[in-house]
Amino acid sequence: MTTTTPNERLKEYIYTVSRSINQFAKKIGMVPSAISRVTSGDVSLTPGMAARILTACPDLSEEWLMEGTGPMTRPASVTVNVSDHARGAAHDYHEHHPAPTSQALDRFTSTLDELAASLQTITRLLDTISRLLDTISQTLASQSQTLASQSSTIQSQADTISSLLTRLP
């Protein structure tokens, strides 16, 4: 499989080692949806997430994951030591950017669903208001024409009365 991005290589690694996204996310302490967003390409693999993955998966080659060079996994006989700097960076990143919990993501998704429903309701109300304003505008135009016609009739009747009054002795 030829892959060009860290996201695609991560996806390849997950499925090559026969792990589901759920199992993999559990192993590295993240929610499955966060991993899914990376493997689908919706978001980029961050350095903090890469450090977390490399710490949890010592067989995974950093060079392959990040740059696409060399083999995907390290030979079993090689001892892998993640540097203190990498561990510290991963710890610092996750201390300031904790992975959202499943419940938090569920609440967020629920809130988004509620907002979408509210927006649909608002859109329907705005359509109704627009139709009402059109009806009011048409009614006012019709009444304006009626008033103009009645005004003309009244003026004609006033002229007739005035003419009759001038003929009276």
Protein backbone atom coordinates (compact mmCIF):
# COMPACT_ATOMS: atom_id res chain seq x y z
CA MET A 1 0.00 0.00 0.00
CA THR A 2 1.52 3.32 -1.03
CA THR A 3 0.70 6.09 1.42
CA THR A 4 1.70 9.72 1.28
CA THR A 5 0.52 11.34 4.49
CA PRO A 6 1.06 10.54 8.17
CA ASN A 7 -2.73 10.16 8.46
CA GLU A 8 -2.79 7.47 5.78
CA ARG A 9 0.26 5.74 7.24
CA LEU A 10 -1.34 5.68 10.70
CA LYS A 11 -4.44 4.06 9.20
CA GLU A 12 -2.26 1.50 7.42
CA TYR A 13 -0.42 0.71 10.66
CA ILE A 14 -3.63 0.27 12.65
CA TYR A 15 -5.04 -2.22 10.16
CA THR A 16 -1.73 -3.99 9.48
CA VAL A 17 -1.29 -4.93 13.11
CA SER A 18 -4.90 -6.19 13.13
CA ARG A 19 -6.22 -3.60 15.52
CA SER A 20 -9.53 -1.89 15.16
CA ILE A 21 -9.64 1.85 15.64
CA ASN A 22 -11.52 1.27 18.92
CA GLN A 23 -8.85 -1.08 20.29
CA PHE A 24 -6.06 1.19 19.10
CA ALA A 25 -7.65 4.29 20.64
CA LYS A 26 -8.10 2.47 23.94
CA LYS A 27 -4.44 1.38 23.92
CA ILE A 28 -3.17 4.95 23.51
CA GLY A 29 -5.80 6.49 25.80
CA MET A 30 -7.83 8.41 23.24
CA VAL A 31 -11.41 8.29 22.08
CA PRO A 32 -12.02 6.34 18.85
CA SER A 33 -13.62 9.33 17.12
CA ALA A 34 -10.38 11.32 17.49
CA ILE A 35 -8.42 8.54 15.76
CA SER A 36 -11.14 8.19 13.10
CA ARG A 37 -10.94 11.90 12.29
CA VAL A 38 -7.17 11.54 11.76
CA THR A 39 -7.34 8.34 9.69
CA SER A 40 -10.13 9.77 7.54
CA GLY A 41 -8.06 12.89 6.89
CA ASP A 42 -10.53 15.26 8.54
CA VAL A 43 -7.75 16.54 10.84
CA SER A 44 -3.97 16.28 10.61
CA LEU A 45 -1.87 14.08 12.86
CA THR A 46 -0.45 16.51 15.43
CA PRO A 47 3.04 16.20 16.92
CA GLY A 48 1.50 15.61 20.34
CA MET A 49 -0.72 12.82 19.04
CA ALA A 50 2.23 11.29 17.14
CA ALA A 51 4.34 11.30 20.32
CA ARG A 52 1.51 9.64 22.23
CA ILE A 53 1.12 6.97 19.54
CA LEU A 54 4.86 6.31 19.30
CA THR A 55 5.09 5.98 23.08
CA ALA A 56 2.22 3.49 23.16
CA CYS A 57 3.45 1.60 20.07
CA PRO A 58 7.21 1.12 20.40
CA ASP A 59 7.31 -1.14 17.32
CA LEU A 60 6.07 1.69 15.08
CA SER A 61 8.84 3.54 13.25
CA GLU A 62 8.71 7.30 13.76
CA GLU A 63 10.52 7.88 10.45
CA TRP A 64 7.96 5.82 8.57
CA LEU A 65 4.96 7.38 10.32
CA MET A 66 6.04 11.00 9.99
CA GLU A 67 8.11 10.95 6.78
CA GLY A 68 7.18 7.76 4.96
CA THR A 69 10.77 6.49 4.91
CA GLY A 70 12.06 3.10 6.01
CA PRO A 71 10.02 0.16 7.24
CA MET A 72 6.73 0.57 9.06
CA THR A 73 7.86 -1.32 12.14
CA ARG A 74 11.15 -1.73 13.94
CA PRO A 75 12.71 -5.19 14.17
CA ALA A 76 11.73 -7.03 17.34
CA SER A 77 15.36 -7.31 18.43
CA VAL A 78 15.83 -3.54 18.54
CA THR A 79 15.23 -1.94 21.90
CA VAL A 80 13.31 1.27 21.50
CA ASN A 81 13.72 4.04 24.02
CA VAL A 82 11.57 7.09 23.55
CA SER A 83 13.64 10.07 24.54
CA ASP A 84 12.80 11.99 27.69
CA HIS A 85 12.22 15.01 25.47
CA ALA A 86 9.58 13.17 23.41
CA ARG A 87 7.91 11.84 26.56
CA GLY A 88 7.96 15.32 28.11
CA ALA A 89 6.56 16.92 24.98
CA ALA A 90 3.75 14.36 24.83
CA HIS A 91 3.00 14.80 28.53
CA ASP A 92 3.03 18.61 28.27
CA TYR A 93 0.81 18.52 25.20
CA HIS A 94 -1.75 16.23 26.78
CA GLU A 95 -1.71 18.09 30.07
CA HIS A 96 -2.73 21.27 28.24
CA HIS A 97 -4.84 19.52 25.58
CA PRO A 98 -6.51 16.55 27.26
CA ALA A 99 -8.34 14.16 24.98
CA PRO A 100 -12.08 14.71 25.22
CA THR A 101 -14.00 12.01 26.98
CA SER A 102 -16.59 9.94 25.23
CA GLN A 103 -19.28 11.61 27.35
CA ALA A 104 -17.99 15.08 26.45
CA LEU A 105 -18.04 14.20 22.75
CA ASP A 106 -21.54 12.76 23.10
CA ARG A 107 -22.71 15.98 24.81
CA PHE A 108 -21.01 18.07 22.13
CA THR A 109 -22.65 16.01 19.36
CA SER A 110 -26.01 16.27 21.12
CA THR A 111 -25.59 20.03 21.43
CA LEU A 112 -24.75 20.28 17.72
CA ASP A 113 -27.85 18.24 16.88
CA GLU A 114 -29.98 20.54 19.03
CA LEU A 115 -28.46 23.59 17.34
CA ALA A 116 -29.16 22.12 13.91
CA ALA A 117 -32.78 21.47 14.89
CA SER A 118 -33.07 25.01 16.25
CA LEU A 119 -31.65 26.43 13.03
CA GLN A 120 -34.20 24.45 11.03
CA THR A 121 -36.99 25.83 13.23
CA ILE A 122 -35.66 29.38 12.84
CA THR A 123 -35.45 28.92 9.07
CA ARG A 124 -39.07 27.73 8.96
CA LEU A 125 -40.16 30.70 11.12
CA LEU A 126 -38.28 33.13 8.87
CA ASP A 127 -39.99 31.62 5.82
CA THR A 128 -43.37 32.02 7.53
CA ILE A 129 -42.59 35.63 8.47
CA SER A 130 -41.49 36.33 4.91
CA ARG A 131 -44.78 34.95 3.53
CA LEU A 132 -46.75 37.00 6.10
CA LEU A 133 -44.89 40.16 5.12
CA ASP A 134 -45.65 39.49 1.45
CA THR A 135 -49.35 39.03 2.31
CA ILE A 136 -49.36 42.25 4.36
CA SER A 137 -47.63 44.12 1.53
CA GLN A 138 -50.19 42.87 -1.00
CA THR A 139 -53.07 43.74 1.34
CA LEU A 140 -51.71 47.25 1.90
CA ALA A 141 -51.28 47.76 -1.85
CA SER A 142 -54.85 46.60 -2.45
CA GLN A 143 -56.20 48.82 0.34
CA SER A 144 -54.20 51.75 -1.00
CA GLN A 145 -55.85 51.31 -4.40
CA THR A 146 -59.28 51.04 -2.76
CA LEU A 147 -58.65 54.22 -0.75
CA ALA A 148 -57.48 56.05 -3.87
CA SER A 149 -60.64 54.97 -5.67
CA GLN A 150 -62.84 55.95 -2.71
CA SER A 151 -61.02 59.29 -2.43
CA SER A 152 -61.73 59.96 -6.08
CA THR A 153 -65.39 59.05 -5.59
CA ILE A 154 -65.65 61.29 -2.50
CA GLN A 155 -64.01 64.16 -4.40
CA SER A 156 -66.45 63.71 -7.25
CA GLN A 157 -69.39 63.68 -4.81
CA ALA A 158 -68.00 66.76 -3.03
CA ASP A 159 -67.76 68.57 -6.39
CA THR A 160 -71.34 67.61 -7.18
CA ILE A 161 -72.57 68.86 -3.78
CA SER A 162 -70.60 72.06 -4.19
CA SER A 163 -72.11 72.61 -7.62
CA LEU A 164 -75.61 72.01 -6.26
CA LEU A 165 -75.01 74.40 -3.36
CA THR A 166 -73.99 77.15 -5.73
CA ARG A 167 -77.33 76.82 -7.56
CA LEU A 168 -79.39 77.25 -4.42
CA PRO A 169 -80.92 80.70 -3.90
